[in-house]
Amino acid sequence: MADQSLAGITVILLVLVMVSALAVVYVKYDARLMFNQLQKELREQDRLGVEWNRLQLEQNTWSSNNRIEKLARTKLNLQAPTSAQIVYVKVK
């Protein structure tokens, strides 16, 4: 009788050890998948950061005062008004 209960306990413990081992394998595999996903997201973040910096530089270039003034003079044939053309308006 004692041998049967000992064998039963041994089987139960063996099953629990196997379940525990499978759980460790699954958790380790899942952690690797999440780490790979994290690395992918960090690379994407770096790529987007570089693109953001490039776009900010491009925006600053396109909106610089010298460029706008040059385009106004050449393409639109605009020029600064003379002092005789300036009209001052008083606001009460």
PDB file of N, CA and C in Angstrom:
ATOM      1  N   MET A   1       0.829  -1.186   0.000  1.00  0.00           N
ATOM      2  CA  MET A   1       0.000   0.000   0.000  1.00  0.00           C
ATOM      3  C   MET A   1       0.876   1.254   0.000  1.00  0.00           C
ATOM      4  N   ALA A   2       1.919   1.227   0.811  1.00  0.00           N
ATOM      5  CA  ALA A   2       2.823   2.366   0.875  1.00  0.00           C
ATOM      6  C   ALA A   2       3.552   2.540  -0.440  1.00  0.00           C
ATOM      7  N   ASP A   3       3.847   1.396  -1.095  1.00  0.00           N
ATOM      8  CA  ASP A   3       4.527   1.472  -2.385  1.00  0.00           C
ATOM      9  C   ASP A   3       3.629   2.101  -3.450  1.00  0.00           C
ATOM     10  N   GLN A   4       2.330   1.798  -3.410  1.00  0.00           N
ATOM     11  CA  GLN A   4       1.399   2.356  -4.397  1.00  0.00           C
ATOM     12  C   GLN A   4       1.241   3.868  -4.208  1.00  0.00           C
ATOM     13  N   SER A   5       1.133   4.311  -2.959  1.00  0.00           N
ATOM     14  CA  SER A   5       0.978   5.745  -2.735  1.00  0.00           C
ATOM     15  C   SER A   5       2.262   6.488  -3.091  1.00  0.00           C
ATOM     16  N   LEU A   6       3.419   5.852  -2.837  1.00  0.00           N
ATOM     17  CA  LEU A   6       4.699   6.450  -3.205  1.00  0.00           C
ATOM     18  C   LEU A   6       4.822   6.534  -4.723  1.00  0.00           C
ATOM     19  N   ALA A   7       4.370   5.492  -5.413  1.00  0.00           N
ATOM     20  CA  ALA A   7       4.402   5.494  -6.879  1.00  0.00           C
ATOM     21  C   ALA A   7       3.445   6.552  -7.420  1.00  0.00           C
ATOM     22  N   GLY A   8       2.293   6.696  -6.802  1.00  0.00           N
ATOM     23  CA  GLY A   8       1.328   7.718  -7.229  1.00  0.00           C
ATOM     24  C   GLY A   8       1.875   9.126  -7.047  1.00  0.00           C
ATOM     25  N   ILE A   9       2.508   9.348  -5.915  1.00  0.00           N
ATOM     26  CA  ILE A   9       3.118  10.664  -5.640  1.00  0.00           C
ATOM     27  C   ILE A   9       4.246  10.931  -6.633  1.00  0.00           C
ATOM     28  N   THR A  10       5.014   9.890  -6.934  1.00  0.00           N
ATOM     29  CA  THR A  10       6.112  10.035  -7.887  1.00  0.00           C
ATOM     30  C   THR A  10       5.583  10.405  -9.271  1.00  0.00           C
ATOM     31  N   VAL A  11       4.523   9.774  -9.700  1.00  0.00           N
ATOM     32  CA  VAL A  11       3.919  10.074 -11.002  1.00  0.00           C
ATOM     33  C   VAL A  11       3.390  11.504 -11.021  1.00  0.00           C
ATOM     34  N   ILE A  12       2.724  11.890  -9.956  1.00  0.00           N
ATOM     35  CA  ILE A  12       2.186  13.254  -9.889  1.00  0.00           C
ATOM     36  C   ILE A  12       3.323  14.274  -9.933  1.00  0.00           C
ATOM     37  N   LEU A  13       4.381  14.003  -9.162  1.00  0.00           N
ATOM     38  CA  LEU A  13       5.525  14.920  -9.162  1.00  0.00           C
ATOM     39  C   LEU A  13       6.211  14.960 -10.523  1.00  0.00           C
ATOM     40  N   LEU A  14       6.304  13.808 -11.190  1.00  0.00           N
ATOM     41  CA  LEU A  14       6.899  13.756 -12.521  1.00  0.00           C
ATOM     42  C   LEU A  14       6.077  14.574 -13.513  1.00  0.00           C
ATOM     43  N   VAL A  15       4.778  14.463 -13.441  1.00  0.00           N
ATOM     44  CA  VAL A  15       3.895  15.246 -14.321  1.00  0.00           C
ATOM     45  C   VAL A  15       4.048  16.737 -14.033  1.00  0.00           C
ATOM     46  N   LEU A  16       4.119  17.084 -12.748  1.00  0.00           N
ATOM     47  CA  LEU A  16       4.282  18.502 -12.396  1.00  0.00           C
ATOM     48  C   LEU A  16       5.625  19.050 -12.880  1.00  0.00           C
ATOM     49  N   VAL A  17       6.670  18.239 -12.773  1.00  0.00           N
ATOM     50  CA  VAL A  17       7.990  18.657 -13.271  1.00  0.00           C
ATOM     51  C   VAL A  17       7.946  18.851 -14.779  1.00  0.00           C
ATOM     52  N   MET A  18       7.292  17.965 -15.497  1.00  0.00           N
ATOM     53  CA  MET A  18       7.178  18.088 -16.961  1.00  0.00           C
ATOM     54  C   MET A  18       6.380  19.338 -17.352  1.00  0.00           C
ATOM     55  N   VAL A  19       5.285  19.569 -16.652  1.00  0.00           N
ATOM     56  CA  VAL A  19       4.482  20.762 -16.922  1.00  0.00           C
ATOM     57  C   VAL A  19       5.303  22.014 -16.640  1.00  0.00           C
ATOM     58  N   SER A  20       6.038  21.996 -15.549  1.00  0.00           N
ATOM     59  CA  SER A  20       6.887  23.132 -15.197  1.00  0.00           C
ATOM     60  C   SER A  20       7.962  23.356 -16.258  1.00  0.00           C
ATOM     61  N   ALA A  21       8.577  22.270 -16.735  1.00  0.00           N
ATOM     62  CA  ALA A  21       9.610  22.385 -17.770  1.00  0.00           C
ATOM     63  C   ALA A  21       9.032  22.954 -19.062  1.00  0.00           C
ATOM     64  N   LEU A  22       7.857  22.482 -19.448  1.00  0.00           N
ATOM     65  CA  LEU A  22       7.204  23.015 -20.652  1.00  0.00           C
ATOM     66  C   LEU A  22       6.843  24.489 -20.478  1.00  0.00           C
ATOM     67  N   ALA A  23       6.423  24.860 -19.290  1.00  0.00           N
ATOM     68  CA  ALA A  23       6.109  26.268 -19.028  1.00  0.00           C
ATOM     69  C   ALA A  23       7.363  27.132 -19.140  1.00  0.00           C
ATOM     70  N   VAL A  24       8.489  26.635 -18.645  1.00  0.00           N
ATOM     71  CA  VAL A  24       9.755  27.383 -18.744  1.00  0.00           C
ATOM     72  C   VAL A  24      10.148  27.550 -20.211  1.00  0.00           C
ATOM     73  N   VAL A  25      10.017  26.499 -20.997  1.00  0.00           N
ATOM     74  CA  VAL A  25      10.347  26.575 -22.424  1.00  0.00           C
ATOM     75  C   VAL A  25       9.447  27.581 -23.123  1.00  0.00           C
ATOM     76  N   TYR A  26       8.162  27.530 -22.837  1.00  0.00           N
ATOM     77  CA  TYR A  26       7.222  28.459 -23.469  1.00  0.00           C
ATOM     78  C   TYR A  26       7.525  29.905 -23.077  1.00  0.00           C
ATOM     79  N   VAL A  27       7.775  30.149 -21.805  1.00  0.00           N
ATOM     80  CA  VAL A  27       8.054  31.513 -21.341  1.00  0.00           C
ATOM     81  C   VAL A  27       9.342  32.028 -21.963  1.00  0.00           C
ATOM     82  N   LYS A  28      10.356  31.185 -22.056  1.00  0.00           N
ATOM     83  CA  LYS A  28      11.633  31.582 -22.663  1.00  0.00           C
ATOM     84  C   LYS A  28      11.426  31.912 -24.148  1.00  0.00           C
ATOM     85  N   TYR A  29      10.675  31.089 -24.847  1.00  0.00           N
ATOM     86  CA  TYR A  29      10.379  31.324 -26.260  1.00  0.00           C
ATOM     87  C   TYR A  29       9.608  32.628 -26.436  1.00  0.00           C
ATOM     88  N   ASP A  30       8.622  32.844 -25.597  1.00  0.00           N
ATOM     89  CA  ASP A  30       7.815  34.069 -25.671  1.00  0.00           C
ATOM     90  C   ASP A  30       8.676  35.301 -25.377  1.00  0.00           C
ATOM     91  N   ALA A  31       9.586  35.184 -24.414  1.00  0.00           N
ATOM     92  CA  ALA A  31      10.481  36.297 -24.088  1.00  0.00           C
ATOM     93  C   ALA A  31      11.378  36.623 -25.276  1.00  0.00           C
ATOM     94  N   ARG A  32      11.851  35.613 -25.976  1.00  0.00           N
ATOM     95  CA  ARG A  32      12.683  35.848 -27.166  1.00  0.00           C
ATOM     96  C   ARG A  32      11.890  36.533 -28.258  1.00  0.00           C
ATOM     97  N   LEU A  33      10.662  36.104 -28.452  1.00  0.00           N
ATOM     98  CA  LEU A  33       9.813  36.756 -29.456  1.00  0.00           C
ATOM     99  C   LEU A  33       9.582  38.230 -29.106  1.00  0.00           C
ATOM    100  N   MET A  34       9.296  38.497 -27.848  1.00  0.00           N
ATOM    101  CA  MET A  34       9.068  39.880 -27.426  1.00  0.00           C
ATOM    102  C   MET A  34      10.345  40.709 -27.540  1.00  0.00           C
ATOM    103  N   PHE A  35      11.501  40.117 -27.236  1.00  0.00           N
ATOM    104  CA  PHE A  35      12.763  40.836 -27.364  1.00  0.00           C
ATOM    105  C   PHE A  35      13.041  41.171 -28.826  1.00  0.00           C
ATOM    106  N   ASN A  36      12.773  40.215 -29.718  1.00  0.00           N
ATOM    107  CA  ASN A  36      12.947  40.484 -31.151  1.00  0.00           C
ATOM    108  C   ASN A  36      12.016  41.600 -31.611  1.00  0.00           C
ATOM    109  N   GLN A  37      10.795  41.590 -31.142  1.00  0.00           N
ATOM    110  CA  GLN A  37       9.838  42.646 -31.493  1.00  0.00           C
ATOM    111  C   GLN A  37      10.311  43.996 -30.950  1.00  0.00           C
ATOM    112  N   LEU A  38      10.837  44.004 -29.728  1.00  0.00           N
ATOM    113  CA  LEU A  38      11.376  45.231 -29.145  1.00  0.00           C
ATOM    114  C   LEU A  38      12.516  45.778 -29.990  1.00  0.00           C
ATOM    115  N   GLN A  39      13.426  44.917 -30.415  1.00  0.00           N
ATOM    116  CA  GLN A  39      14.546  45.356 -31.247  1.00  0.00           C
ATOM    117  C   GLN A  39      14.056  45.925 -32.570  1.00  0.00           C
ATOM    118  N   LYS A  40      13.045  45.291 -33.142  1.00  0.00           N
ATOM    119  CA  LYS A  40      12.460  45.785 -34.397  1.00  0.00           C
ATOM    120  C   LYS A  40      11.850  47.169 -34.191  1.00  0.00           C
ATOM    121  N   GLU A  41      11.125  47.346 -33.091  1.00  0.00           N
ATOM    122  CA  GLU A  41      10.495  48.640 -32.805  1.00  0.00           C
ATOM    123  C   GLU A  41      11.539  49.724 -32.529  1.00  0.00           C
ATOM    124  N   LEU A  42      12.635  49.360 -31.861  1.00  0.00           N
ATOM    125  CA  LEU A  42      13.701  50.328 -31.601  1.00  0.00           C
ATOM    126  C   LEU A  42      14.387  50.755 -32.896  1.00  0.00           C
ATOM    127  N   ARG A  43      14.575  49.811 -33.825  1.00  0.00           N
ATOM    128  CA  ARG A  43      15.140  50.176 -35.133  1.00  0.00           C
ATOM    129  C   ARG A  43      14.196  51.116 -35.882  1.00  0.00           C
ATOM    130  N   GLU A  44      12.911  50.823 -35.812  1.00  0.00           N
ATOM    131  CA  GLU A  44      11.913  51.689 -36.464  1.00  0.00           C
ATOM    132  C   GLU A  44      11.908  53.073 -35.821  1.00  0.00           C
ATOM    133  N   GLN A  45      12.034  53.127 -34.499  1.00  0.00           N
ATOM    134  CA  GLN A  45      12.090  54.408 -33.791  1.00  0.00           C
ATOM    135  C   GLN A  45      13.308  55.212 -34.248  1.00  0.00           C
ATOM    136  N   ASP A  46      14.436  54.563 -34.373  1.00  0.00           N
ATOM    137  CA  ASP A  46      15.643  55.241 -34.841  1.00  0.00           C
ATOM    138  C   ASP A  46      15.453  55.767 -36.269  1.00  0.00           C
ATOM    139  N   ARG A  47      14.867  54.929 -37.127  1.00  0.00           N
ATOM    140  CA  ARG A  47      14.641  55.339 -38.518  1.00  0.00           C
ATOM    141  C   ARG A  47      13.705  56.539 -38.579  1.00  0.00           C
ATOM    142  N   LEU A  48      12.648  56.503 -37.791  1.00  0.00           N
ATOM    143  CA  LEU A  48      11.700  57.613 -37.778  1.00  0.00           C
ATOM    144  C   LEU A  48      12.318  58.878 -37.197  1.00  0.00           C
ATOM    145  N   GLY A  49      13.204  58.722 -36.207  1.00  0.00           N
ATOM    146  CA  GLY A  49      13.891  59.878 -35.638  1.00  0.00           C
ATOM    147  C   GLY A  49      14.783  60.552 -36.670  1.00  0.00           C
ATOM    148  N   VAL A  50      15.490  59.743 -37.453  1.00  0.00           N
ATOM    149  CA  VAL A  50      16.346  60.294 -38.512  1.00  0.00           C
ATOM    150  C   VAL A  50      15.487  60.996 -39.555  1.00  0.00           C
ATOM    151  N   GLU A  51      14.383  60.371 -39.941  1.00  0.00           N
ATOM    152  CA  GLU A  51      13.499  60.995 -40.929  1.00  0.00           C
ATOM    153  C   GLU A  51      12.897  62.294 -40.388  1.00  0.00           C
ATOM    154  N   TRP A  52      12.520  62.310 -39.109  1.00  0.00           N
ATOM    155  CA  TRP A  52      11.961  63.519 -38.489  1.00  0.00           C
ATOM    156  C   TRP A  52      12.971  64.661 -38.527  1.00  0.00           C
ATOM    157  N   ASN A  53      14.224  64.357 -38.186  1.00  0.00           N
ATOM    158  CA  ASN A  53      15.266  65.384 -38.225  1.00  0.00           C
ATOM    159  C   ASN A  53      15.475  65.906 -39.641  1.00  0.00           C
ATOM    160  N   ARG A  54      15.449  65.003 -40.619  1.00  0.00           N
ATOM    161  CA  ARG A  54      15.605  65.407 -42.019  1.00  0.00           C
ATOM    162  C   ARG A  54      14.447  66.306 -42.453  1.00  0.00           C
ATOM    163  N   LEU A  55      13.236  65.948 -42.048  1.00  0.00           N
ATOM    164  CA  LEU A  55      12.069  66.753 -42.415  1.00  0.00           C
ATOM    165  C   LEU A  55      12.094  68.124 -41.746  1.00  0.00           C
ATOM    166  N   GLN A  56      12.559  68.186 -40.502  1.00  0.00           N
ATOM    167  CA  GLN A  56      12.670  69.489 -39.836  1.00  0.00           C
ATOM    168  C   GLN A  56      13.691  70.368 -40.544  1.00  0.00           C
ATOM    169  N   LEU A  57      14.805  69.776 -40.947  1.00  0.00           N
ATOM    170  CA  LEU A  57      15.826  70.526 -41.677  1.00  0.00           C
ATOM    171  C   LEU A  57      15.268  71.012 -43.012  1.00  0.00           C
ATOM    172  N   GLU A  58      14.537  70.140 -43.689  1.00  0.00           N
ATOM    173  CA  GLU A  58      13.938  70.519 -44.966  1.00  0.00           C
ATOM    174  C   GLU A  58      12.914  71.640 -44.775  1.00  0.00           C
ATOM    175  N   GLN A  59      12.109  71.555 -43.723  1.00  0.00           N
ATOM    176  CA  GLN A  59      11.121  72.607 -43.455  1.00  0.00           C
ATOM    177  C   GLN A  59      11.822  73.936 -43.172  1.00  0.00           C
ATOM    178  N   ASN A  60      12.871  73.901 -42.388  1.00  0.00           N
ATOM    179  CA  ASN A  60      13.611  75.133 -42.103  1.00  0.00           C
ATOM    180  C   ASN A  60      14.217  75.716 -43.368  1.00  0.00           C
ATOM    181  N   THR A  61      14.675  74.860 -44.263  1.00  0.00           N
ATOM    182  CA  THR A  61      15.244  75.336 -45.524  1.00  0.00           C
ATOM    183  C   THR A  61      14.169  75.983 -46.386  1.00  0.00           C
ATOM    184  N   TRP A  62      13.017  75.325 -46.499  1.00  0.00           N
ATOM    185  CA  TRP A  62      11.947  75.848 -47.350  1.00  0.00           C
ATOM    186  C   TRP A  62      11.332  77.128 -46.786  1.00  0.00           C
ATOM    187  N   SER A  63      11.365  77.283 -45.495  1.00  0.00           N
ATOM    188  CA  SER A  63      10.690  78.443 -44.905  1.00  0.00           C
ATOM    189  C   SER A  63      11.664  79.533 -44.468  1.00  0.00           C
ATOM    190  N   SER A  64      12.915  79.463 -44.897  1.00  0.00           N
ATOM    191  CA  SER A  64      13.861  80.509 -44.502  1.00  0.00           C
ATOM    192  C   SER A  64      13.484  81.835 -45.165  1.00  0.00           C
ATOM    193  N   ASN A  65      13.712  82.915 -44.446  1.00  0.00           N
ATOM    194  CA  ASN A  65      13.331  84.240 -44.951  1.00  0.00           C
ATOM    195  C   ASN A  65      14.056  84.594 -46.235  1.00  0.00           C
ATOM    196  N   ASN A  66      15.327  84.247 -46.334  1.00  0.00           N
ATOM    197  CA  ASN A  66      16.090  84.566 -47.546  1.00  0.00           C
ATOM    198  C   ASN A  66      15.497  83.877 -48.764  1.00  0.00           C
ATOM    199  N   ARG A  67      15.117  82.638 -48.615  1.00  0.00           N
ATOM    200  CA  ARG A  67      14.539  81.899 -49.743  1.00  0.00           C
ATOM    201  C   ARG A  67      13.196  82.499 -50.142  1.00  0.00           C
ATOM    202  N   ILE A  68      12.364  82.821 -49.150  1.00  0.00           N
ATOM    203  CA  ILE A  68      11.048  83.389 -49.447  1.00  0.00           C
ATOM    204  C   ILE A  68      11.200  84.747 -50.133  1.00  0.00           C
ATOM    205  N   GLU A  69      12.125  85.554 -49.629  1.00  0.00           N
ATOM    206  CA  GLU A  69      12.344  86.870 -50.239  1.00  0.00           C
ATOM    207  C   GLU A  69      12.856  86.724 -51.671  1.00  0.00           C
ATOM    208  N   LYS A  70      13.758  85.790 -51.897  1.00  0.00           N
ATOM    209  CA  LYS A  70      14.296  85.569 -53.243  1.00  0.00           C
ATOM    210  C   LYS A  70      13.190  85.131 -54.198  1.00  0.00           C
ATOM    211  N   LEU A  71      12.331  84.201 -53.729  1.00  0.00           N
ATOM    212  CA  LEU A  71      11.216  83.757 -54.573  1.00  0.00           C
ATOM    213  C   LEU A  71      10.244  84.903 -54.850  1.00  0.00           C
ATOM    214  N   ALA A  72      10.004  85.744 -53.858  1.00  0.00           N
ATOM    215  CA  ALA A  72       9.089  86.876 -54.042  1.00  0.00           C
ATOM    216  C   ALA A  72       9.647  87.844 -55.083  1.00  0.00           C
ATOM    217  N   ARG A  73      10.940  88.073 -55.052  1.00  0.00           N
ATOM    218  CA  ARG A  73      11.557  88.994 -56.012  1.00  0.00           C
ATOM    219  C   ARG A  73      11.614  88.400 -57.408  1.00  0.00           C
ATOM    220  N   THR A  74      11.995  87.132 -57.538  1.00  0.00           N
ATOM    221  CA  THR A  74      12.201  86.547 -58.870  1.00  0.00           C
ATOM    222  C   THR A  74      10.902  86.062 -59.507  1.00  0.00           C
ATOM    223  N   LYS A  75      10.149  85.246 -58.815  1.00  0.00           N
ATOM    224  CA  LYS A  75       8.956  84.647 -59.431  1.00  0.00           C
ATOM    225  C   LYS A  75       7.751  85.579 -59.428  1.00  0.00           C
ATOM    226  N   LEU A  76       7.576  86.345 -58.347  1.00  0.00           N
ATOM    227  CA  LEU A  76       6.394  87.202 -58.235  1.00  0.00           C
ATOM    228  C   LEU A  76       6.694  88.657 -58.575  1.00  0.00           C
ATOM    229  N   ASN A  77       7.964  88.953 -58.818  1.00  0.00           N
ATOM    230  CA  ASN A  77       8.394  90.303 -59.171  1.00  0.00           C
ATOM    231  C   ASN A  77       7.967  91.324 -58.118  1.00  0.00           C
ATOM    232  N   LEU A  78       8.093  90.953 -56.862  1.00  0.00           N
ATOM    233  CA  LEU A  78       7.750  91.847 -55.763  1.00  0.00           C
ATOM    234  C   LEU A  78       8.995  92.588 -55.312  1.00  0.00           C
ATOM    235  N   GLN A  79       8.777  93.743 -54.744  1.00  0.00           N
ATOM    236  CA  GLN A  79       9.888  94.511 -54.195  1.00  0.00           C
ATOM    237  C   GLN A  79       9.411  95.246 -52.952  1.00  0.00           C
ATOM    238  N   ALA A  80      10.359  95.657 -52.126  1.00  0.00           N
ATOM    239  CA  ALA A  80      10.014  96.382 -50.907  1.00  0.00           C
ATOM    240  C   ALA A  80       9.477  97.768 -51.289  1.00  0.00           C
ATOM    241  N   PRO A  81       8.449  98.255 -50.593  1.00  0.00           N
ATOM    242  CA  PRO A  81       7.890  99.566 -50.934  1.00  0.00           C
ATOM    243  C   PRO A  81       8.849 100.699 -50.554  1.00  0.00           C
ATOM    244  N   THR A  82       8.776 101.770 -51.303  1.00  0.00           N
ATOM    245  CA  THR A  82       9.569 102.949 -50.965  1.00  0.00           C
ATOM    246  C   THR A  82       8.880 103.675 -49.816  1.00  0.00           C
ATOM    247  N   SER A  83       9.596 104.619 -49.232  1.00  0.00           N
ATOM    248  CA  SER A  83       9.007 105.347 -48.107  1.00  0.00           C
ATOM    249  C   SER A  83       7.794 106.159 -48.554  1.00  0.00           C
ATOM    250  N   ALA A  84       7.724 106.572 -49.819  1.00  0.00           N
ATOM    251  CA  ALA A  84       6.569 107.316 -50.326  1.00  0.00           C
ATOM    252  C   ALA A  84       5.347 106.415 -50.469  1.00  0.00           C
ATOM    253  N   GLN A  85       5.559 105.131 -50.642  1.00  0.00           N
ATOM    254  CA  GLN A  85       4.440 104.190 -50.840  1.00  0.00           C
ATOM    255  C   GLN A  85       3.872 103.667 -49.509  1.00  0.00           C
ATOM    256  N   ILE A  86       4.558 103.915 -48.417  1.00  0.00           N
ATOM    257  CA  ILE A  86       4.128 103.407 -47.120  1.00  0.00           C
ATOM    258  C   ILE A  86       3.070 104.344 -46.550  1.00  0.00           C
ATOM    259  N   VAL A  87       1.964 103.778 -46.106  1.00  0.00           N
ATOM    260  CA  VAL A  87       0.875 104.544 -45.512  1.00  0.00           C
ATOM    261  C   VAL A  87       0.700 104.084 -44.072  1.00  0.00           C
ATOM    262  N   TYR A  88       0.722 105.037 -43.155  1.00  0.00           N
ATOM    263  CA  TYR A  88       0.534 104.720 -41.742  1.00  0.00           C
ATOM    264  C   TYR A  88      -0.910 104.954 -41.366  1.00  0.00           C
ATOM    265  N   VAL A  89      -1.497 104.038 -40.614  1.00  0.00           N
ATOM    266  CA  VAL A  89      -2.886 104.125 -40.196  1.00  0.00           C
ATOM    267  C   VAL A  89      -2.919 104.223 -38.692  1.00  0.00           C
ATOM    268  N   LYS A  90      -3.613 105.253 -38.180  1.00  0.00           N
ATOM    269  CA  LYS A  90      -3.758 105.393 -36.734  1.00  0.00           C
ATOM    270  C   LYS A  90      -4.970 104.613 -36.267  1.00  0.00           C
ATOM    271  N   VAL A  91      -4.777 103.913 -35.182  1.00  0.00           N
ATOM    272  CA  VAL A  91      -5.881 103.140 -34.595  1.00  0.00           C
ATOM    273  C   VAL A  91      -6.165 103.732 -33.226  1.00  0.00           C
ATOM    274  N   LYS A  92      -7.440 104.040 -32.978  1.00  0.00           N
ATOM    275  CA  LYS A  92      -7.806 104.637 -31.692  1.00  0.00           C
ATOM    276  C   LYS A  92      -8.196 103.578 -30.714  1.00  0.00           C
TER     277      LYS A  92
END
